[in-house]
Protein backbone atom coordinates (compact mmCIF):
# COMPACT_ATOMS: atom_id res chain seq x y z
CA MET A 1 77.97 73.51 132.47
CA LYS A 2 76.73 70.08 131.65
CA GLU A 3 79.92 69.56 129.65
CA ARG A 4 82.04 68.53 132.62
CA ASP A 5 81.97 67.98 136.36
CA MET A 6 82.61 71.12 138.41
CA TYR A 7 82.89 72.15 142.04
CA GLY A 8 80.79 74.98 143.49
CA TYR A 9 83.23 77.86 143.15
CA GLU A 10 83.99 76.79 139.59
CA ILE A 11 80.24 76.74 138.77
CA SER A 12 79.89 80.26 140.17
CA ASN A 13 82.81 81.50 138.06
CA GLU A 14 81.42 79.81 134.95
CA ILE A 15 78.06 81.54 135.43
CA ASP A 16 79.87 84.87 135.77
CA LYS A 17 81.87 84.19 132.61
CA ARG A 18 78.95 82.98 130.49
CA SER A 19 76.81 85.95 131.55
CA SER A 20 79.62 88.44 130.80
CA ASN A 21 79.71 89.18 134.55
CA ARG A 22 76.05 90.31 134.55
CA LEU A 23 74.89 87.47 136.80
CA ASN A 24 76.97 86.96 139.93
CA VAL A 25 75.79 83.96 141.92
CA LYS A 26 77.07 84.02 145.47
CA GLU A 27 77.82 80.86 147.43
CA GLY A 28 74.91 81.56 149.78
CA THR A 29 72.59 81.31 146.78
CA LEU A 30 74.37 78.60 144.81
CA TYR A 31 74.79 75.87 147.42
CA PRO A 32 71.13 75.69 148.50
CA ILE A 33 70.22 75.33 144.80
CA LEU A 34 72.79 72.57 144.36
CA TYR A 35 71.46 70.76 147.44
CA ARG A 36 67.87 70.93 146.11
CA LEU A 37 68.94 69.68 142.68
CA GLU A 38 70.80 66.84 144.35
CA GLU A 39 67.72 65.89 146.40
CA LYS A 40 65.72 65.74 143.14
CA GLU A 41 68.50 63.55 141.63
CA VAL A 42 69.06 66.11 138.87
CA ILE A 43 72.73 66.22 139.86
CA GLU A 44 74.98 64.03 141.96
CA SER A 45 78.11 64.89 143.85
CA TYR A 46 81.37 63.26 144.83
CA TRP A 47 84.51 64.33 146.64
CA LYS A 48 87.83 64.53 144.85
CA ALA A 49 91.24 65.92 145.75
CA LEU A 50 93.05 67.68 142.94
CA ASP A 51 95.75 65.31 141.63
CA GLY A 52 95.05 63.11 144.65
CA ARG A 53 96.55 65.75 146.98
CA GLY A 54 95.30 68.65 149.00
CA LYS A 55 91.87 69.32 150.38
CA PRO A 56 89.12 67.44 148.55
CA ARG A 57 86.46 69.43 146.72
CA LYS A 58 82.85 68.46 146.21
CA TYR A 59 82.23 68.05 142.49
CA TYR A 60 78.83 67.97 140.82
CA ARG A 61 77.70 66.24 137.65
CA VAL A 62 74.40 66.05 135.81
CA THR A 63 72.52 62.75 136.00
CA SER A 64 70.37 61.17 133.28
CA ILE A 65 67.35 62.57 135.14
CA GLY A 66 69.11 65.94 135.02
CA ASP A 67 69.54 65.69 131.27
CA ARG A 68 65.81 65.19 130.79
CA TYR A 69 65.07 67.96 133.32
CA PHE A 70 67.44 70.34 131.53
CA TYR A 71 66.00 69.78 128.06
CA SER A 72 62.37 70.05 129.18
CA TYR A 73 62.98 73.33 131.05
CA LYS A 74 65.18 74.65 128.26
CA GLU A 75 62.29 74.28 125.81
CA GLU A 76 59.88 75.91 128.28
CA TRP A 77 62.31 78.78 128.78
CA PHE A 78 62.52 79.47 125.04
CA VAL A 79 58.74 79.48 124.72
CA VAL A 80 58.28 81.85 127.68
CA SER A 81 61.16 84.14 126.67
CA ASN A 82 59.81 84.40 123.10
CA ILE A 83 56.35 85.27 124.42
CA MET A 84 57.84 87.92 126.74
CA ARG A 85 59.91 89.33 123.88
CA ASP A 86 56.78 89.62 121.72
CA ILE A 87 54.90 91.35 124.55
CA LEU A 88 57.69 93.82 125.21
CA ILE A 89 58.25 94.55 121.52
CA GLY A 90 54.49 95.16 121.22
CA GLU A 91 54.69 97.68 124.08
CA GLU A 92 57.49 99.57 122.31
CA GLU A 93 55.46 99.76 119.12
CA GLU A 94 52.47 101.23 121.00
CA CYS A 95 54.55 104.10 122.41
């Protein structure tokens, strides 16, 4: 989702799509996360009306701080998920 700027509802739909509808993030969960990320300057927002018409939407984009944040946590996630996989596979072998 770093590929392009998106508004909240679009982010929620993208999460649904990428998770094969296994992770449904509701607005009540998503927006507080977006606000916290914005406070940490991981993302920034701006208002834009589609084609200059209609009601403006609040779009979000990843900042340079967000890029560094993303890559550091991505690496941590892979390490932790690999450890958890090894632990769980070990449990299956013991049974």
